[in-house]
Structure formats: structure tokens, C-alpha cells
Amino acid sequence: IEPEIIRDLERMDIKLCIRGTKGYWASLKIELNLILQIKEAQKEDVKLWDIDPTLREAVLSEAHNSDFSIHPGSTKMYGDLKQHFWWNGMKQDIAMFVGKCLICQQVKIEHQRASGLLQPLDIPVWKWDEISMDFVTGLPRIQKKNDAIWVVVDRLTKSSHFLPIRKDFSISRLADIFQQEIVRLHGTPATIVSDRDLRFTSRF
């Protein structure tokens, strides 16, 4: 073996073990140090800032309220900011900031029907943290004898699950389906909004 190759193998802590007329490589050790390299490089990165709460608020305000931003929604605002900034809990801070914007709420209200005596709901902070549920009934029964659809909607992203059920399912059966199809994928929601269906207000 060439001396250069031997030195490279020694630096990688690789040894050649000989058994009779055959040999094999042993003691191969691989270490993932990408994260360590990034942390070390960040110490000398002049563009890396420790964003305090005051500066963080200024960044959010500039990205949302400036003459060039035209009050973007939380998803658009996060997509723009993440190209230049990042901090722990950034997406949640953006959602809260947009949700508290008075101008956005006023513009939004102008395009909605009058709510009458209904109480408006606050905008959720995180996806699948608050959900709404309802049943679609009166459907023709299929081979599996399902005749209804249980609709579960995330109030922030409006993404939905349509769960085939039978309208005579018991509370415990519905709870099992909810655990399997919703909690397993998205965790337990903090708030559930329903139309006060007896199946939800009794023992669900």
C-alpha cells in the first residue's frame, strides 16, 4: 500500500487486519460532527445576531406593517422572514403577531357577513391546536354500512379529515376513532368547537 494511503487510513482510525492470505479493514469509526461544525462556525459569524425581544418585535413589525409588506398572512410572512432570520418559536410568534393586527382584522371583517349574536373566535396560534367538528348525515349506506361522515377541521390551516362512520356509533366508538385518526397524527387539541351535538357534550 502507498505511504500516503496508509497515513490517510491512520487518520481515519482504520486498520488492516491480516488473516493468512486474506485481510480486512477494521475499527472503522464514523462521527457525525456537522452540528458541531455549525456551532463552531457560528461563533465567528459576524451576521449572526442574538435577537432580543425588542429587536424581534421590530423585525416582525417591519415585515408586516411596512409600506412594502402590505400586511401578509402568517404563512407568507414566515416564508419571507425565514430566508434571513430564525429564532426558537418564530412561527408561533408570527402567528400571534398577525392575529393581533388590528388592520388585518378590520379588513377581514369587511368581507364577512354580519355575525349577529355569534361570538367571534380568536385565531389559533398553532396548527391542530384548535379544531371544529360536525357530522354529515343522511348519506346512502355503503357496503361497510357507513352512512355518515365525521368532519374534523383544523381552525388555523383549514385542513380537514373526513372520517366515514355510522350515525348510530356509540360515544366510546367515536372516541376510539378520534384517538386513532386525529390524536395519533396531530396530538390532543386544546380546544374543540362543535354545534353542541349531544354526542360531544355528554361523555366524549
Protein backbone atom coordinates (compact mmCIF):
# COMPACT_ATOMS: atom_id res chain seq x y z
CA ILE A 1 0.00 0.00 0.00
CA GLU A 2 1.25 3.50 -0.81
CA PRO A 3 2.53 5.54 2.20
CA GLU A 4 0.01 8.33 1.52
CA ILE A 5 -2.87 5.89 1.68
CA ILE A 6 -1.54 4.41 4.91
CA ARG A 7 -1.36 7.87 6.53
CA ASP A 8 -4.92 8.67 5.39
CA LEU A 9 -6.19 5.40 6.82
CA GLU A 10 -4.41 6.05 10.14
CA ARG A 11 -6.02 9.48 10.39
CA MET A 12 -9.42 7.84 9.93
CA ASP A 13 -8.55 5.24 12.57
CA ILE A 14 -8.80 2.38 10.05
CA LYS A 15 -6.62 -0.69 10.49
CA LEU A 16 -5.80 -3.53 8.12
CA CYS A 17 -6.08 -6.92 9.82
CA ILE A 18 -4.33 -9.88 8.14
CA ARG A 19 -5.52 -13.47 8.49
CA GLY A 20 -3.50 -15.91 6.45
CA THR A 21 -3.55 -14.78 2.85
CA LYS A 22 -6.57 -12.52 3.33
CA GLY A 23 -7.08 -9.19 5.03
CA TYR A 24 -9.95 -6.98 6.08
CA TRP A 25 -10.43 -3.45 7.31
CA ALA A 26 -11.44 -2.98 10.93
CA SER A 27 -12.05 -0.28 13.54
CA LEU A 28 -13.91 2.00 11.15
CA LYS A 29 -15.29 4.86 13.21
CA ILE A 30 -17.69 7.46 11.83
CA GLU A 31 -18.66 10.55 13.80
CA LEU A 32 -21.39 12.99 12.78
CA ASN A 33 -19.95 16.39 13.56
CA LEU A 34 -21.92 18.62 11.19
CA ILE A 35 -23.89 20.22 14.03
CA LEU A 36 -20.68 20.79 15.98
CA GLN A 37 -19.08 22.40 12.94
CA ILE A 38 -22.08 24.69 12.52
CA LYS A 39 -21.96 25.76 16.18
CA GLU A 40 -18.26 26.46 15.99
CA ALA A 41 -18.68 28.44 12.77
CA GLN A 42 -21.48 30.50 14.30
CA LYS A 43 -19.10 31.85 16.94
CA GLU A 44 -17.20 33.70 14.21
CA ASP A 45 -20.21 34.59 12.04
CA VAL A 46 -20.49 38.38 12.05
CA LYS A 47 -24.00 38.14 10.54
CA LEU A 48 -25.35 36.03 13.43
CA TRP A 49 -27.31 38.12 15.93
CA ASP A 50 -28.80 37.25 19.26
CA ILE A 51 -32.29 38.72 18.72
CA ASP A 52 -33.66 40.16 21.97
CA PRO A 53 -37.45 40.66 22.39
CA THR A 54 -37.29 44.35 21.38
CA LEU A 55 -35.42 43.64 18.15
CA ARG A 56 -37.65 40.65 17.47
CA GLU A 57 -40.74 42.85 17.72
CA ALA A 58 -39.12 45.38 15.36
CA VAL A 59 -38.39 42.62 12.81
CA LEU A 60 -41.99 41.40 12.93
CA SER A 61 -43.36 44.93 12.64
CA GLU A 62 -41.15 45.76 9.67
CA ALA A 63 -42.10 42.53 7.89
CA HIS A 64 -45.82 43.08 8.47
CA ASN A 65 -46.51 46.81 8.71
CA SER A 66 -44.02 48.46 6.35
CA ASP A 67 -45.07 50.11 3.07
CA PHE A 68 -43.57 47.20 1.13
CA SER A 69 -45.12 44.29 3.04
CA ILE A 70 -48.91 45.02 2.69
CA HIS A 71 -49.81 43.02 5.79
CA PRO A 72 -49.08 39.43 4.68
CA GLY A 73 -50.67 36.45 6.36
CA SER A 74 -48.71 34.37 8.84
CA THR A 75 -47.71 31.71 6.27
CA LYS A 76 -46.45 34.25 3.73
CA MET A 77 -44.73 36.30 6.43
CA TYR A 78 -42.95 33.25 7.81
CA GLY A 79 -41.80 32.24 4.33
CA ASP A 80 -40.30 35.70 3.77
CA LEU A 81 -38.64 36.05 7.16
CA LYS A 82 -37.09 32.59 7.36
CA GLN A 83 -34.82 33.50 4.45
CA HIS A 84 -32.99 35.98 6.69
CA PHE A 85 -33.98 35.28 10.31
CA TRP A 86 -34.59 32.39 12.63
CA TRP A 87 -35.27 32.05 16.36
CA ASN A 88 -36.87 29.44 18.54
CA GLY A 89 -40.66 29.70 18.35
CA MET A 90 -40.50 32.04 15.34
CA LYS A 91 -43.55 30.58 13.56
CA GLN A 92 -45.66 30.85 16.69
CA ASP A 93 -44.55 34.46 17.29
CA ILE A 94 -45.51 35.37 13.71
CA ALA A 95 -48.95 33.75 14.03
CA MET A 96 -49.61 35.65 17.27
CA PHE A 97 -48.38 38.94 15.78
CA VAL A 98 -50.61 38.63 12.69
CA GLY A 99 -53.56 37.54 14.82
CA LYS A 100 -53.28 40.73 16.91
CA CYS A 101 -53.00 43.09 13.91
CA LEU A 102 -56.00 45.44 14.12
CA ILE A 103 -55.81 46.46 10.46
CA CYS A 104 -55.89 42.83 9.31
CA GLN A 105 -58.93 42.15 11.50
CA GLN A 106 -60.78 45.24 10.24
CA VAL A 107 -60.17 44.34 6.59
CA LYS A 108 -61.18 40.76 7.26
CA ILE A 109 -64.43 41.83 8.90
CA GLU A 110 -65.44 43.93 5.88
CA HIS A 111 -65.57 40.81 3.71
CA GLN A 112 -67.62 38.73 6.10
CA ARG A 113 -71.32 38.59 6.81
CA ALA A 114 -72.55 40.19 10.00
CA SER A 115 -72.19 37.66 12.75
CA GLY A 116 -75.31 38.73 14.63
CA LEU A 117 -75.21 37.38 18.15
CA LEU A 118 -72.39 34.93 17.40
CA GLN A 119 -69.20 35.36 19.37
CA PRO A 120 -66.09 35.56 17.12
CA LEU A 121 -63.39 33.04 17.89
CA ASP A 122 -59.75 34.00 18.36
CA ILE A 123 -57.30 32.94 15.68
CA PRO A 124 -55.44 29.79 16.83
CA VAL A 125 -51.71 30.11 17.46
CA TRP A 126 -50.66 26.71 16.13
CA LYS A 127 -52.00 24.16 13.69
CA TRP A 128 -54.29 21.47 15.10
CA ASP A 129 -54.30 23.27 18.46
CA GLU A 130 -57.98 24.18 17.98
CA ILE A 131 -60.37 22.14 15.87
CA SER A 132 -64.04 22.12 14.89
CA MET A 133 -66.16 19.02 14.35
CA ASP A 134 -69.50 18.22 12.75
CA PHE A 135 -71.41 15.34 11.15
CA VAL A 136 -72.68 14.98 7.61
CA THR A 137 -75.66 12.59 7.78
CA GLY A 138 -78.41 11.34 5.53
CA LEU A 139 -75.98 9.67 3.11
CA PRO A 140 -76.76 6.35 1.36
CA ARG A 141 -75.34 3.37 3.20
CA ILE A 142 -72.34 1.70 1.55
CA GLN A 143 -71.06 -1.88 1.74
CA LYS A 144 -69.34 -1.27 5.08
CA LYS A 145 -72.70 0.07 6.35
CA ASN A 146 -71.30 3.57 6.87
CA ASP A 147 -73.97 6.22 6.33
CA ALA A 148 -72.36 9.41 7.69
CA ILE A 149 -69.12 11.42 7.58
CA TRP A 150 -67.42 12.91 10.61
CA VAL A 151 -65.69 16.13 9.54
CA VAL A 152 -62.78 17.36 11.70
CA VAL A 153 -61.25 20.69 10.65
CA ASP A 154 -58.12 22.48 11.90
CA ARG A 155 -59.25 26.06 12.54
CA LEU A 156 -55.87 27.61 11.60
CA THR A 157 -54.92 25.86 8.34
CA LYS A 158 -58.43 24.65 7.40
CA SER A 159 -57.00 21.21 6.62
CA SER A 160 -59.58 18.53 7.30
CA HIS A 161 -60.21 14.87 7.97
CA PHE A 162 -63.34 13.17 6.59
CA LEU A 163 -63.98 10.04 8.62
CA PRO A 164 -66.59 7.52 7.41
CA ILE A 165 -68.81 6.39 10.29
CA ARG A 166 -72.30 5.16 11.08
CA LYS A 167 -74.66 7.64 12.69
CA ASP A 168 -75.51 5.09 15.38
CA PHE A 169 -71.89 4.72 16.58
CA SER A 170 -71.56 4.92 20.35
CA ILE A 171 -69.60 7.61 22.19
CA SER A 172 -66.83 5.15 23.02
CA ARG A 173 -66.56 4.09 19.36
CA LEU A 174 -66.28 7.72 18.25
CA ALA A 175 -63.65 8.36 20.93
CA ASP A 176 -61.59 5.42 19.66
CA ILE A 177 -61.78 6.75 16.08
CA PHE A 178 -60.81 10.23 17.25
CA GLN A 179 -57.82 8.82 19.13
CA GLN A 180 -56.68 6.76 16.14
CA GLU A 181 -57.26 9.26 13.32
CA ILE A 182 -56.72 12.67 14.95
CA VAL A 183 -54.74 12.43 18.18
CA ARG A 184 -52.30 9.90 16.71
CA LEU A 185 -51.42 12.27 13.85
CA HIS A 186 -51.75 15.73 15.39
CA GLY A 187 -51.75 15.36 19.16
CA THR A 188 -54.54 16.26 21.58
CA PRO A 189 -56.21 19.58 20.68
CA ALA A 190 -56.51 22.31 23.30
CA THR A 191 -59.99 23.38 22.13
CA ILE A 192 -62.80 21.63 20.27
CA VAL A 193 -65.60 23.67 18.66
CA SER A 194 -68.83 21.84 17.83
CA ASP A 195 -72.54 22.56 17.33
CA ARG A 196 -73.33 21.25 20.82
CA ASP A 197 -74.19 17.82 19.47
CA LEU A 198 -75.23 15.57 22.34
CA ARG A 199 -72.54 13.08 21.41
CA PHE A 200 -69.89 15.74 22.12
CA THR A 201 -71.46 17.40 25.15
CA SER A 202 -72.29 14.22 27.06
CA ARG A 203 -69.30 11.92 27.71
CA PHE A 204 -66.96 12.48 24.73
